[in-house]
PDB file of N, CA and C in Angstrom:
ATOM      1  N   UNK A   1       0.793  -1.197   0.000  1.00  0.00           N
ATOM      2  CA  UNK A   1       0.000   0.000   0.000  1.00  0.00           C
ATOM      3  C   UNK A   1       0.834   1.259   0.000  1.00  0.00           C
ATOM      4  N   UNK A   2       2.041   1.304   0.608  1.00  0.00           N
ATOM      5  CA  UNK A   2       2.873   2.493   0.415  1.00  0.00           C
ATOM      6  C   UNK A   2       3.427   2.527  -1.010  1.00  0.00           C
ATOM      7  N   UNK A   3       3.407   3.708  -1.594  1.00  0.00           N
ATOM      8  CA  UNK A   3       3.918   3.913  -2.943  1.00  0.00           C
ATOM      9  C   UNK A   3       4.845   5.120  -2.931  1.00  0.00           C
ATOM     10  N   UNK A   4       6.087   4.909  -3.348  1.00  0.00           N
ATOM     11  CA  UNK A   4       7.075   5.987  -3.430  1.00  0.00           C
ATOM     12  C   UNK A   4       7.462   6.171  -4.887  1.00  0.00           C
ATOM     13  N   UNK A   5       7.284   7.386  -5.381  1.00  0.00           N
ATOM     14  CA  UNK A   5       7.660   7.739  -6.748  1.00  0.00           C
ATOM     15  C   UNK A   5       8.807   8.741  -6.673  1.00  0.00           C
ATOM     16  N   UNK A   6       9.880   8.451  -7.395  1.00  0.00           N
ATOM     17  CA  UNK A   6      11.066   9.304  -7.397  1.00  0.00           C
ATOM     18  C   UNK A   6      11.246   9.888  -8.796  1.00  0.00           C
ATOM     19  N   UNK A   7      11.271  11.214  -8.867  1.00  0.00           N
ATOM     20  CA  UNK A   7      11.534  11.909 -10.119  1.00  0.00           C
ATOM     21  C   UNK A   7      12.769  12.775  -9.916  1.00  0.00           C
ATOM     22  N   UNK A   8      13.673  12.729 -10.872  1.00  0.00           N
ATOM     23  CA  UNK A   8      14.902  13.521 -10.768  1.00  0.00           C
ATOM     24  C   UNK A   8      15.397  13.895 -12.159  1.00  0.00           C
ATOM     25  N   UNK A   9      16.264  14.882 -12.199  1.00  0.00           N
ATOM     26  CA  UNK A   9      16.902  15.246 -13.457  1.00  0.00           C
ATOM     27  C   UNK A   9      18.279  14.588 -13.590  1.00  0.00           C
ATOM     28  N   UNK A  10      18.623  13.734 -12.651  1.00  0.00           N
ATOM     29  CA  UNK A  10      19.904  13.010 -12.699  1.00  0.00           C
ATOM     30  C   UNK A  10      19.755  11.730 -13.496  1.00  0.00           C
ATOM     31  N   UNK A  11      20.720  11.478 -14.367  1.00  0.00           N
ATOM     32  CA  UNK A  11      20.777  10.185 -15.040  1.00  0.00           C
ATOM     33  C   UNK A  11      21.276   9.169 -14.027  1.00  0.00           C
ATOM     34  N   UNK A  12      20.585   8.051 -13.927  1.00  0.00           N
ATOM     35  CA  UNK A  12      20.955   7.012 -12.972  1.00  0.00           C
ATOM     36  C   UNK A  12      21.179   5.717 -13.743  1.00  0.00           C
ATOM     37  N   UNK A  13      22.350   5.140 -13.576  1.00  0.00           N
ATOM     38  CA  UNK A  13      22.675   3.886 -14.253  1.00  0.00           C
ATOM     39  C   UNK A  13      21.711   2.788 -13.811  1.00  0.00           C
ATOM     40  N   UNK A  14      21.473   1.825 -14.681  1.00  0.00           N
ATOM     41  CA  UNK A  14      20.513   0.765 -14.390  1.00  0.00           C
ATOM     42  C   UNK A  14      20.834   0.014 -13.101  1.00  0.00           C
ATOM     43  N   UNK A  15      22.104  -0.312 -12.876  1.00  0.00           N
ATOM     44  CA  UNK A  15      22.458  -1.036 -11.653  1.00  0.00           C
ATOM     45  C   UNK A  15      22.223  -0.167 -10.413  1.00  0.00           C
ATOM     46  N   UNK A  16      22.478   1.125 -10.536  1.00  0.00           N
ATOM     47  CA  UNK A  16      22.237   2.042  -9.418  1.00  0.00           C
ATOM     48  C   UNK A  16      20.725   2.199  -9.170  1.00  0.00           C
ATOM     49  N   UNK A  17      19.922   2.147 -10.243  1.00  0.00           N
ATOM     50  CA  UNK A  17      18.466   2.213 -10.074  1.00  0.00           C
ATOM     51  C   UNK A  17      17.968   1.017  -9.280  1.00  0.00           C
ATOM     52  N   UNK A  18      18.473  -0.154  -9.607  1.00  0.00           N
ATOM     53  CA  UNK A  18      18.050  -1.365  -8.906  1.00  0.00           C
ATOM     54  C   UNK A  18      18.411  -1.287  -7.420  1.00  0.00           C
ATOM     55  N   UNK A  19      19.588  -0.788  -7.130  1.00  0.00           N
ATOM     56  CA  UNK A  19      20.035  -0.641  -5.737  1.00  0.00           C
ATOM     57  C   UNK A  19      19.178   0.388  -5.007  1.00  0.00           C
ATOM     58  N   UNK A  20      18.880   1.495  -5.672  1.00  0.00           N
ATOM     59  CA  UNK A  20      18.039   2.527  -5.070  1.00  0.00           C
ATOM     60  C   UNK A  20      16.632   1.989  -4.812  1.00  0.00           C
ATOM     61  N   UNK A  21      16.082   1.232  -5.751  1.00  0.00           N
ATOM     62  CA  UNK A  21      14.754   0.633  -5.549  1.00  0.00           C
ATOM     63  C   UNK A  21      14.737  -0.230  -4.293  1.00  0.00           C
ATOM     64  N   UNK A  22      15.749  -1.075  -4.156  1.00  0.00           N
ATOM     65  CA  UNK A  22      15.828  -1.973  -2.995  1.00  0.00           C
ATOM     66  C   UNK A  22      15.925  -1.185  -1.695  1.00  0.00           C
ATOM     67  N   UNK A  23      16.828  -0.209  -1.661  1.00  0.00           N
ATOM     68  CA  UNK A  23      17.031   0.571  -0.444  1.00  0.00           C
ATOM     69  C   UNK A  23      15.799   1.405  -0.100  1.00  0.00           C
ATOM     70  N   UNK A  24      15.181   1.995  -1.105  1.00  0.00           N
ATOM     71  CA  UNK A  24      13.992   2.816  -0.868  1.00  0.00           C
ATOM     72  C   UNK A  24      12.849   1.961  -0.336  1.00  0.00           C
ATOM     73  N   UNK A  25      12.695   0.761  -0.853  1.00  0.00           N
ATOM     74  CA  UNK A  25      11.643  -0.136  -0.390  1.00  0.00           C
ATOM     75  C   UNK A  25      11.811  -0.458   1.093  1.00  0.00           C
ATOM     76  N   UNK A  26      13.037  -0.735   1.495  1.00  0.00           N
ATOM     77  CA  UNK A  26      13.321  -1.043   2.899  1.00  0.00           C
ATOM     78  C   UNK A  26      13.074   0.189   3.781  1.00  0.00           C
ATOM     79  N   UNK A  27      13.523   1.357   3.333  1.00  0.00           N
ATOM     80  CA  UNK A  27      13.351   2.589   4.105  1.00  0.00           C
ATOM     81  C   UNK A  27      11.869   2.894   4.323  1.00  0.00           C
ATOM     82  N   UNK A  28      11.081   2.771   3.271  1.00  0.00           N
ATOM     83  CA  UNK A  28       9.647   3.051   3.387  1.00  0.00           C
ATOM     84  C   UNK A  28       8.980   2.049   4.320  1.00  0.00           C
ATOM     85  N   UNK A  29       9.263   0.776   4.126  1.00  0.00           N
ATOM     86  CA  UNK A  29       8.680  -0.271   4.964  1.00  0.00           C
ATOM     87  C   UNK A  29       9.017  -0.052   6.433  1.00  0.00           C
ATOM     88  N   UNK A  30      10.288   0.147   6.704  1.00  0.00           N
ATOM     89  CA  UNK A  30      10.750   0.306   8.088  1.00  0.00           C
ATOM     90  C   UNK A  30      10.146   1.547   8.754  1.00  0.00           C
ATOM     91  N   UNK A  31      10.139   2.659   8.038  1.00  0.00           N
ATOM     92  CA  UNK A  31       9.708   3.914   8.648  1.00  0.00           C
ATOM     93  C   UNK A  31       8.196   4.082   8.724  1.00  0.00           C
ATOM     94  N   UNK A  32       7.468   3.302   7.952  1.00  0.00           N
ATOM     95  CA  UNK A  32       6.005   3.326   8.057  1.00  0.00           C
ATOM     96  C   UNK A  32       5.478   2.154   8.875  1.00  0.00           C
ATOM     97  N   UNK A  33       6.366   1.200   9.178  1.00  0.00           N
ATOM     98  CA  UNK A  33       5.934   0.032   9.928  1.00  0.00           C
ATOM     99  C   UNK A  33       4.971  -0.841   9.134  1.00  0.00           C
ATOM    100  N   UNK A  34       5.173  -0.869   7.826  1.00  0.00           N
ATOM    101  CA  UNK A  34       4.318  -1.657   6.929  1.00  0.00           C
ATOM    102  C   UNK A  34       5.156  -2.794   6.328  1.00  0.00           C
ATOM    103  N   UNK A  35       4.532  -3.943   6.081  1.00  0.00           N
ATOM    104  CA  UNK A  35       5.282  -5.051   5.470  1.00  0.00           C
ATOM    105  C   UNK A  35       5.814  -4.658   4.090  1.00  0.00           C
ATOM    106  N   UNK A  36       7.066  -5.016   3.828  1.00  0.00           N
ATOM    107  CA  UNK A  36       7.669  -4.657   2.550  1.00  0.00           C
ATOM    108  C   UNK A  36       6.938  -5.298   1.373  1.00  0.00           C
ATOM    109  N   UNK A  37       6.246  -6.384   1.607  1.00  0.00           N
ATOM    110  CA  UNK A  37       5.541  -7.047   0.508  1.00  0.00           C
ATOM    111  C   UNK A  37       4.456  -6.155  -0.101  1.00  0.00           C
ATOM    112  N   UNK A  38       4.072  -5.081   0.588  1.00  0.00           N
ATOM    113  CA  UNK A  38       3.075  -4.150   0.064  1.00  0.00           C
ATOM    114  C   UNK A  38       3.683  -2.864  -0.495  1.00  0.00           C
ATOM    115  N   UNK A  39       4.987  -2.684  -0.364  1.00  0.00           N
ATOM    116  CA  UNK A  39       5.639  -1.439  -0.777  1.00  0.00           C
ATOM    117  C   UNK A  39       5.940  -1.467  -2.278  1.00  0.00           C
ATOM    118  N   UNK A  40       5.592  -0.388  -2.966  1.00  0.00           N
ATOM    119  CA  UNK A  40       5.940  -0.225  -4.377  1.00  0.00           C
ATOM    120  C   UNK A  40       6.787   1.029  -4.508  1.00  0.00           C
ATOM    121  N   UNK A  41       7.880   0.921  -5.271  1.00  0.00           N
ATOM    122  CA  UNK A  41       8.768   2.059  -5.511  1.00  0.00           C
ATOM    123  C   UNK A  41       8.977   2.192  -7.013  1.00  0.00           C
ATOM    124  N   UNK A  42       8.940   3.415  -7.474  1.00  0.00           N
ATOM    125  CA  UNK A  42       9.135   3.704  -8.903  1.00  0.00           C
ATOM    126  C   UNK A  42      10.179   4.804  -9.037  1.00  0.00           C
ATOM    127  N   UNK A  43      11.062   4.625 -10.001  1.00  0.00           N
ATOM    128  CA  UNK A  43      12.023   5.679 -10.345  1.00  0.00           C
ATOM    129  C   UNK A  43      11.774   6.039 -11.802  1.00  0.00           C
ATOM    130  N   UNK A  44      11.377   7.273 -12.037  1.00  0.00           N
ATOM    131  CA  UNK A  44      11.147   7.718 -13.409  1.00  0.00           C
ATOM    132  C   UNK A  44      12.473   7.975 -14.114  1.00  0.00           C
ATOM    133  N   UNK A  45      12.496   7.832 -15.438  1.00  0.00           N
ATOM    134  CA  UNK A  45      13.700   8.216 -16.188  1.00  0.00           C
ATOM    135  C   UNK A  45      13.988   9.700 -15.957  1.00  0.00           C
ATOM    136  N   UNK A  46      15.239  10.081 -16.075  1.00  0.00           N
ATOM    137  CA  UNK A  46      15.626  11.484 -15.880  1.00  0.00           C
ATOM    138  C   UNK A  46      14.798  12.396 -16.776  1.00  0.00           C
ATOM    139  N   UNK A  47      14.344  13.498 -16.181  1.00  0.00           N
ATOM    140  CA  UNK A  47      13.535  14.487 -16.893  1.00  0.00           C
ATOM    141  C   UNK A  47      14.150  15.862 -16.702  1.00  0.00           C
ATOM    142  N   UNK A  48      13.961  16.758 -17.677  1.00  0.00           N
ATOM    143  CA  UNK A  48      14.413  18.127 -17.449  1.00  0.00           C
ATOM    144  C   UNK A  48      13.658  18.704 -16.251  1.00  0.00           C
ATOM    145  N   UNK A  49      14.394  19.216 -15.282  1.00  0.00           N
ATOM    146  CA  UNK A  49      13.790  19.807 -14.092  1.00  0.00           C
ATOM    147  C   UNK A  49      14.597  21.034 -13.682  1.00  0.00           C
ATOM    148  N   UNK A  50      13.909  22.016 -13.140  1.00  0.00           N
ATOM    149  CA  UNK A  50      14.566  23.198 -12.591  1.00  0.00           C
ATOM    150  C   UNK A  50      14.002  23.443 -11.203  1.00  0.00           C
ATOM    151  N   UNK A  51      14.878  23.767 -10.277  1.00  0.00           N
ATOM    152  CA  UNK A  51      14.468  24.077  -8.918  1.00  0.00           C
ATOM    153  C   UNK A  51      15.278  25.279  -8.456  1.00  0.00           C
ATOM    154  N   UNK A  52      14.616  26.291  -7.933  1.00  0.00           N
ATOM    155  CA  UNK A  52      15.260  27.518  -7.455  1.00  0.00           C
ATOM    156  C   UNK A  52      16.088  28.183  -8.560  1.00  0.00           C
ATOM    157  N   UNK A  53      15.562  28.130  -9.784  1.00  0.00           N
ATOM    158  CA  UNK A  53      16.228  28.792 -10.904  1.00  0.00           C
ATOM    159  C   UNK A  53      17.458  28.083 -11.428  1.00  0.00           C
ATOM    160  N   UNK A  54      17.676  26.837 -11.011  1.00  0.00           N
ATOM    161  CA  UNK A  54      18.866  26.098 -11.411  1.00  0.00           C
ATOM    162  C   UNK A  54      18.502  24.682 -11.868  1.00  0.00           C
ATOM    163  N   UNK A  55      19.240  24.192 -12.841  1.00  0.00           N
ATOM    164  CA  UNK A  55      19.039  22.819 -13.305  1.00  0.00           C
ATOM    165  C   UNK A  55      20.018  21.845 -12.638  1.00  0.00           C
ATOM    166  N   UNK A  56      20.686  22.306 -11.591  1.00  0.00           N
ATOM    167  CA  UNK A  56      21.522  21.417 -10.788  1.00  0.00           C
ATOM    168  C   UNK A  56      20.663  20.260 -10.288  1.00  0.00           C
ATOM    169  N   UNK A  57      21.282  19.120  -9.997  1.00  0.00           N
ATOM    170  CA  UNK A  57      20.561  17.921  -9.573  1.00  0.00           C
ATOM    171  C   UNK A  57      19.495  18.250  -8.524  1.00  0.00           C
ATOM    172  N   UNK A  58      18.285  17.751  -8.781  1.00  0.00           N
ATOM    173  CA  UNK A  58      17.167  17.946  -7.861  1.00  0.00           C
ATOM    174  C   UNK A  58      16.243  16.733  -7.961  1.00  0.00           C
ATOM    175  N   UNK A  59      15.297  16.654  -7.036  1.00  0.00           N
ATOM    176  CA  UNK A  59      14.365  15.525  -7.043  1.00  0.00           C
ATOM    177  C   UNK A  59      13.026  15.941  -6.467  1.00  0.00           C
ATOM    178  N   UNK A  60      11.994  15.247  -6.937  1.00  0.00           N
ATOM    179  CA  UNK A  60      10.646  15.393  -6.418  1.00  0.00           C
ATOM    180  C   UNK A  60      10.164  13.987  -6.088  1.00  0.00           C
ATOM    181  N   UNK A  61       9.777  13.776  -4.844  1.00  0.00           N
ATOM    182  CA  UNK A  61       9.306  12.472  -4.401  1.00  0.00           C
ATOM    183  C   UNK A  61       7.852  12.572  -3.984  1.00  0.00           C
ATOM    184  N   UNK A  62       7.112  11.511  -4.233  1.00  0.00           N
ATOM    185  CA  UNK A  62       5.739  11.401  -3.762  1.00  0.00           C
ATOM    186  C   UNK A  62       5.645  10.123  -2.940  1.00  0.00           C
ATOM    187  N   UNK A  63       5.177  10.239  -1.715  1.00  0.00           N
ATOM    188  CA  UNK A  63       4.963   9.075  -0.866  1.00  0.00           C
ATOM    189  C   UNK A  63       3.497   9.050  -0.469  1.00  0.00           C
ATOM    190  N   UNK A  64       2.812   7.992  -0.915  1.00  0.00           N
ATOM    191  CA  UNK A  64       1.395   7.811  -0.593  1.00  0.00           C
ATOM    192  C   UNK A  64       1.250   6.517   0.179  1.00  0.00           C
ATOM    193  N   UNK A  65       0.391   6.534   1.173  1.00  0.00           N
ATOM    194  CA  UNK A  65       0.163   5.323   1.954  1.00  0.00           C
ATOM    195  C   UNK A  65      -1.148   5.435   2.716  1.00  0.00           C
ATOM    196  N   UNK A  66      -1.767   4.296   2.936  1.00  0.00           N
ATOM    197  CA  UNK A  66      -2.960   4.250   3.771  1.00  0.00           C
ATOM    198  C   UNK A  66      -2.526   4.509   5.212  1.00  0.00           C
ATOM    199  N   UNK A  67      -3.179   5.450   5.851  1.00  0.00           N
ATOM    200  CA  UNK A  67      -2.881   5.727   7.253  1.00  0.00           C
ATOM    201  C   UNK A  67      -1.543   6.404   7.476  1.00  0.00           C
ATOM    202  N   UNK A  68      -1.123   7.241   6.557  1.00  0.00           N
ATOM    203  CA  UNK A  68       0.144   7.976   6.711  1.00  0.00           C
ATOM    204  C   UNK A  68      -0.083   9.132   7.676  1.00  0.00           C
ATOM    205  N   UNK A  69       0.429   9.023   8.902  1.00  0.00           N
ATOM    206  CA  UNK A  69       0.174  10.081   9.886  1.00  0.00           C
ATOM    207  C   UNK A  69       1.097  11.287   9.702  1.00  0.00           C
ATOM    208  N   UNK A  70       0.548  12.468   9.900  1.00  0.00           N
ATOM    209  CA  UNK A  70       1.344  13.693   9.836  1.00  0.00           C
ATOM    210  C   UNK A  70       2.530  13.636  10.788  1.00  0.00           C
ATOM    211  N   UNK A  71       2.362  12.955  11.892  1.00  0.00           N
ATOM    212  CA  UNK A  71       3.424  12.886  12.900  1.00  0.00           C
ATOM    213  C   UNK A  71       4.677  12.180  12.392  1.00  0.00           C
ATOM    214  N   UNK A  72       4.574  11.441  11.289  1.00  0.00           N
ATOM    215  CA  UNK A  72       5.739  10.730  10.740  1.00  0.00           C
ATOM    216  C   UNK A  72       6.385  11.445   9.558  1.00  0.00           C
ATOM    217  N   UNK A  73       5.759  12.500   9.043  1.00  0.00           N
ATOM    218  CA  UNK A  73       6.276  13.099   7.816  1.00  0.00           C
ATOM    219  C   UNK A  73       7.647  13.768   7.991  1.00  0.00           C
ATOM    220  N   UNK A  74       7.899  14.361   9.125  1.00  0.00           N
ATOM    221  CA  UNK A  74       9.205  15.000   9.328  1.00  0.00           C
ATOM    222  C   UNK A  74      10.322  13.959   9.347  1.00  0.00           C
ATOM    223  N   UNK A  75      10.113  12.852  10.062  1.00  0.00           N
ATOM    224  CA  UNK A  75      11.112  11.781  10.104  1.00  0.00           C
ATOM    225  C   UNK A  75      11.272  11.133   8.730  1.00  0.00           C
ATOM    226  N   UNK A  76      10.162  10.966   8.018  1.00  0.00           N
ATOM    227  CA  UNK A  76      10.231  10.399   6.672  1.00  0.00           C
ATOM    228  C   UNK A  76      10.991  11.322   5.732  1.00  0.00           C
ATOM    229  N   UNK A  77      10.762  12.613   5.850  1.00  0.00           N
ATOM    230  CA  UNK A  77      11.486  13.578   5.035  1.00  0.00           C
ATOM    231  C   UNK A  77      12.990  13.449   5.272  1.00  0.00           C
ATOM    232  N   UNK A  78      13.368  13.316   6.514  1.00  0.00           N
ATOM    233  CA  UNK A  78      14.786  13.197   6.859  1.00  0.00           C
ATOM    234  C   UNK A  78      15.415  11.940   6.247  1.00  0.00           C
ATOM    235  N   UNK A  79      14.761  10.795   6.403  1.00  0.00           N
ATOM    236  CA  UNK A  79      15.370   9.551   5.893  1.00  0.00           C
ATOM    237  C   UNK A  79      15.329   9.485   4.373  1.00  0.00           C
ATOM    238  N   UNK A  80      14.282  10.027   3.757  1.00  0.00           N
ATOM    239  CA  UNK A  80      14.226  10.016   2.295  1.00  0.00           C
ATOM    240  C   UNK A  80      15.242  10.984   1.689  1.00  0.00           C
ATOM    241  N   UNK A  81      15.404  12.144   2.308  1.00  0.00           N
ATOM    242  CA  UNK A  81      16.435  13.076   1.842  1.00  0.00           C
ATOM    243  C   UNK A  81      17.828  12.483   2.010  1.00  0.00           C
ATOM    244  N   UNK A  82      18.063  11.791   3.098  1.00  0.00           N
ATOM    245  CA  UNK A  82      19.362  11.144   3.304  1.00  0.00           C
ATOM    246  C   UNK A  82      19.601  10.074   2.247  1.00  0.00           C
ATOM    247  N   UNK A  83      18.574   9.334   1.910  1.00  0.00           N
ATOM    248  CA  UNK A  83      18.680   8.315   0.869  1.00  0.00           C
ATOM    249  C   UNK A  83      19.050   8.952  -0.469  1.00  0.00           C
ATOM    250  N   UNK A  84      18.408  10.062  -0.811  1.00  0.00           N
ATOM    251  CA  UNK A  84      18.714  10.753  -2.070  1.00  0.00           C
ATOM    252  C   UNK A  84      20.142  11.293  -2.071  1.00  0.00           C
ATOM    253  N   UNK A  85      20.601  11.760  -0.925  1.00  0.00           N
ATOM    254  CA  UNK A  85      21.978  12.242  -0.826  1.00  0.00           C
ATOM    255  C   UNK A  85      22.959  11.082  -0.970  1.00  0.00           C
ATOM    256  N   UNK A  86      22.713  10.013  -0.248  1.00  0.00           N
ATOM    257  CA  UNK A  86      23.612   8.859  -0.278  1.00  0.00           C
ATOM    258  C   UNK A  86      23.675   8.209  -1.652  1.00  0.00           C
ATOM    259  N   UNK A  87      22.535   8.039  -2.277  1.00  0.00           N
ATOM    260  CA  UNK A  87      22.467   7.279  -3.526  1.00  0.00           C
ATOM    261  C   UNK A  87      22.624   8.120  -4.787  1.00  0.00           C
ATOM    262  N   UNK A  88      22.114   9.357  -4.763  1.00  0.00           N
ATOM    263  CA  UNK A  88      22.130  10.181  -5.977  1.00  0.00           C
ATOM    264  C   UNK A  88      22.907  11.486  -5.821  1.00  0.00           C
ATOM    265  N   UNK A  89      23.451  11.717  -4.633  1.00  0.00           N
ATOM    266  CA  UNK A  89      24.220  12.936  -4.352  1.00  0.00           C
ATOM    267  C   UNK A  89      23.390  14.203  -4.542  1.00  0.00           C
ATOM    268  N   UNK A  90      22.104  14.107  -4.193  1.00  0.00           N
ATOM    269  CA  UNK A  90      21.225  15.270  -4.263  1.00  0.00           C
ATOM    270  C   UNK A  90      21.013  15.778  -2.840  1.00  0.00           C
ATOM    271  N   UNK A  91      21.436  17.015  -2.552  1.00  0.00           N
ATOM    272  CA  UNK A  91      21.283  17.550  -1.193  1.00  0.00           C
ATOM    273  C   UNK A  91      19.817  17.844  -0.871  1.00  0.00           C
ATOM    274  N   UNK A  92      19.493  17.792   0.408  1.00  0.00           N
ATOM    275  CA  UNK A  92      18.104  17.926   0.853  1.00  0.00           C
ATOM    276  C   UNK A  92      17.462  19.253   0.444  1.00  0.00           C
ATOM    277  N   UNK A  93      18.249  20.298   0.308  1.00  0.00           N
ATOM    278  CA  UNK A  93      17.660  21.584  -0.082  1.00  0.00           C
ATOM    279  C   UNK A  93      17.265  21.612  -1.562  1.00  0.00           C
ATOM    280  N   UNK A  94      17.536  20.518  -2.281  1.00  0.00           N
ATOM    281  CA  UNK A  94      17.167  20.404  -3.697  1.00  0.00           C
ATOM    282  C   UNK A  94      16.090  19.328  -3.893  1.00  0.00           C
ATOM    283  N   UNK A  95      15.356  19.027  -2.826  1.00  0.00           N
ATOM    284  CA  UNK A  95      14.352  17.961  -2.860  1.00  0.00           C
ATOM    285  C   UNK A  95      13.032  18.469  -2.282  1.00  0.00           C
ATOM    286  N   UNK A  96      11.962  18.177  -2.989  1.00  0.00           N
ATOM    287  CA  UNK A  96      10.614  18.348  -2.459  1.00  0.00           C
ATOM    288  C   UNK A  96      10.008  16.958  -2.295  1.00  0.00           C
ATOM    289  N   UNK A  97       9.204  16.792  -1.256  1.00  0.00           N
ATOM    290  CA  UNK A  97       8.512  15.525  -1.023  1.00  0.00           C
ATOM    291  C   UNK A  97       7.041  15.831  -0.758  1.00  0.00           C
ATOM    292  N   UNK A  98       6.178  15.170  -1.497  1.00  0.00           N
ATOM    293  CA  UNK A  98       4.738  15.285  -1.260  1.00  0.00           C
ATOM    294  C   UNK A  98       4.272  14.034  -0.536  1.00  0.00           C
ATOM    295  N   UNK A  99       3.658  14.222   0.621  1.00  0.00           N
ATOM    296  CA  UNK A  99       3.108  13.110   1.397  1.00  0.00           C
ATOM    297  C   UNK A  99       1.591  13.098   1.221  1.00  0.00           C
ATOM    298  N   UNK A 100       1.036  11.902   1.047  1.00  0.00           N
ATOM    299  CA  UNK A 100      -0.417  11.787   0.892  1.00  0.00           C
ATOM    300  C   UNK A 100      -0.922  10.573   1.662  1.00  0.00           C
ATOM    301  N   UNK A 101      -1.962  10.798   2.445  1.00  0.00           N
ATOM    302  CA  UNK A 101      -2.632   9.732   3.171  1.00  0.00           C
ATOM    303  C   UNK A 101      -3.802   9.268   2.311  1.00  0.00           C
ATOM    304  N   UNK A 102      -3.841   7.984   2.000  1.00  0.00           N
ATOM    305  CA  UNK A 102      -4.913   7.449   1.166  1.00  0.00           C
ATOM    306  C   UNK A 102      -5.940   6.718   2.029  1.00  0.00           C
ATOM    307  N   UNK A 103      -7.182   6.902   1.722  1.00  0.00           N
ATOM    308  CA  UNK A 103      -8.258   6.184   2.393  1.00  0.00           C
ATOM    309  C   UNK A 103      -8.238   4.731   1.911  1.00  0.00           C
ATOM    310  N   UNK A 104      -8.384   3.781   2.816  1.00  0.00           N
ATOM    311  CA  UNK A 104      -8.269   2.372   2.450  1.00  0.00           C
ATOM    312  C   UNK A 104      -9.246   1.950   1.350  1.00  0.00           C
ATOM    313  N   UNK A 105     -10.438   2.506   1.357  1.00  0.00           N
ATOM    314  CA  UNK A 105     -11.416   2.143   0.333  1.00  0.00           C
ATOM    315  C   UNK A 105     -11.104   2.761  -1.032  1.00  0.00           C
ATOM    316  N   UNK A 106     -10.135   3.683  -1.051  1.00  0.00           N
ATOM    317  CA  UNK A 106      -9.732   4.333  -2.301  1.00  0.00           C
ATOM    318  C   UNK A 106      -8.398   3.792  -2.825  1.00  0.00           C
ATOM    319  N   UNK A 107      -7.931   2.678  -2.273  1.00  0.00           N
ATOM    320  CA  UNK A 107      -6.665   2.074  -2.680  1.00  0.00           C
ATOM    321  C   UNK A 107      -6.954   0.634  -3.100  1.00  0.00           C
ATOM    322  N   UNK A 108      -6.867   0.380  -4.404  1.00  0.00           N
ATOM    323  CA  UNK A 108      -7.179  -0.935  -4.920  1.00  0.00           C
ATOM    324  C   UNK A 108      -5.960  -1.860  -4.931  1.00  0.00           C
ATOM    325  N   UNK A 109      -6.251  -3.154  -4.740  1.00  0.00           N
ATOM    326  CA  UNK A 109      -5.219  -4.191  -4.777  1.00  0.00           C
ATOM    327  C   UNK A 109      -5.886  -5.555  -4.853  1.00  0.00           C
ATOM    328  N   UNK A 110      -5.308  -6.429  -5.637  1.00  0.00           N
ATOM    329  CA  UNK A 110      -5.727  -7.834  -5.682  1.00  0.00           C
ATOM    330  C   UNK A 110      -7.234  -7.973  -5.950  1.00  0.00           C
ATOM    331  N   UNK A 111      -7.708  -7.223  -6.920  1.00  0.00           N
ATOM    332  CA  UNK A 111      -9.115  -7.236  -7.358  1.00  0.00           C
ATOM    333  C   UNK A 111     -10.077  -6.691  -6.307  1.00  0.00           C
ATOM    334  N   UNK A 112      -9.569  -5.940  -5.366  1.00  0.00           N
ATOM    335  CA  UNK A 112     -10.423  -5.337  -4.342  1.00  0.00           C
ATOM    336  C   UNK A 112      -9.797  -4.060  -3.836  1.00  0.00           C
ATOM    337  N   UNK A 113     -10.141  -3.698  -2.622  1.00  0.00           N
ATOM    338  CA  UNK A 113      -9.529  -2.537  -1.963  1.00  0.00           C
ATOM    339  C   UNK A 113      -9.080  -2.958  -0.581  1.00  0.00           C
ATOM    340  N   UNK A 114      -8.306  -2.101   0.048  1.00  0.00           N
ATOM    341  CA  UNK A 114      -7.850  -2.391   1.399  1.00  0.00           C
ATOM    342  C   UNK A 114      -8.945  -2.043   2.402  1.00  0.00           C
TER     343      UNK A 114
END
């Protein structure tokens, strides 16, 4: 049920994408306390992006999950920004993260909803 989408203007090698997918899945699972078997992570191909008037490396992340409490967003921001710094060398001041809490009846899976 947690879904993390990563968009960046950085070119990421295929092997590095696979490693980032794995690490991001674990980070989301651990920090939301949700089983990893429900976590989905997507990395979009590099796109032209500008942030603060500069095309220097930047990222936009979207994290959606059923029951995502506001009380966890600051900690999630910290660990996701650290992940982007560690894996893609993008500093936290060049990252925006959108958090969204999804209603269980509005999240489909396995021919039904949660």
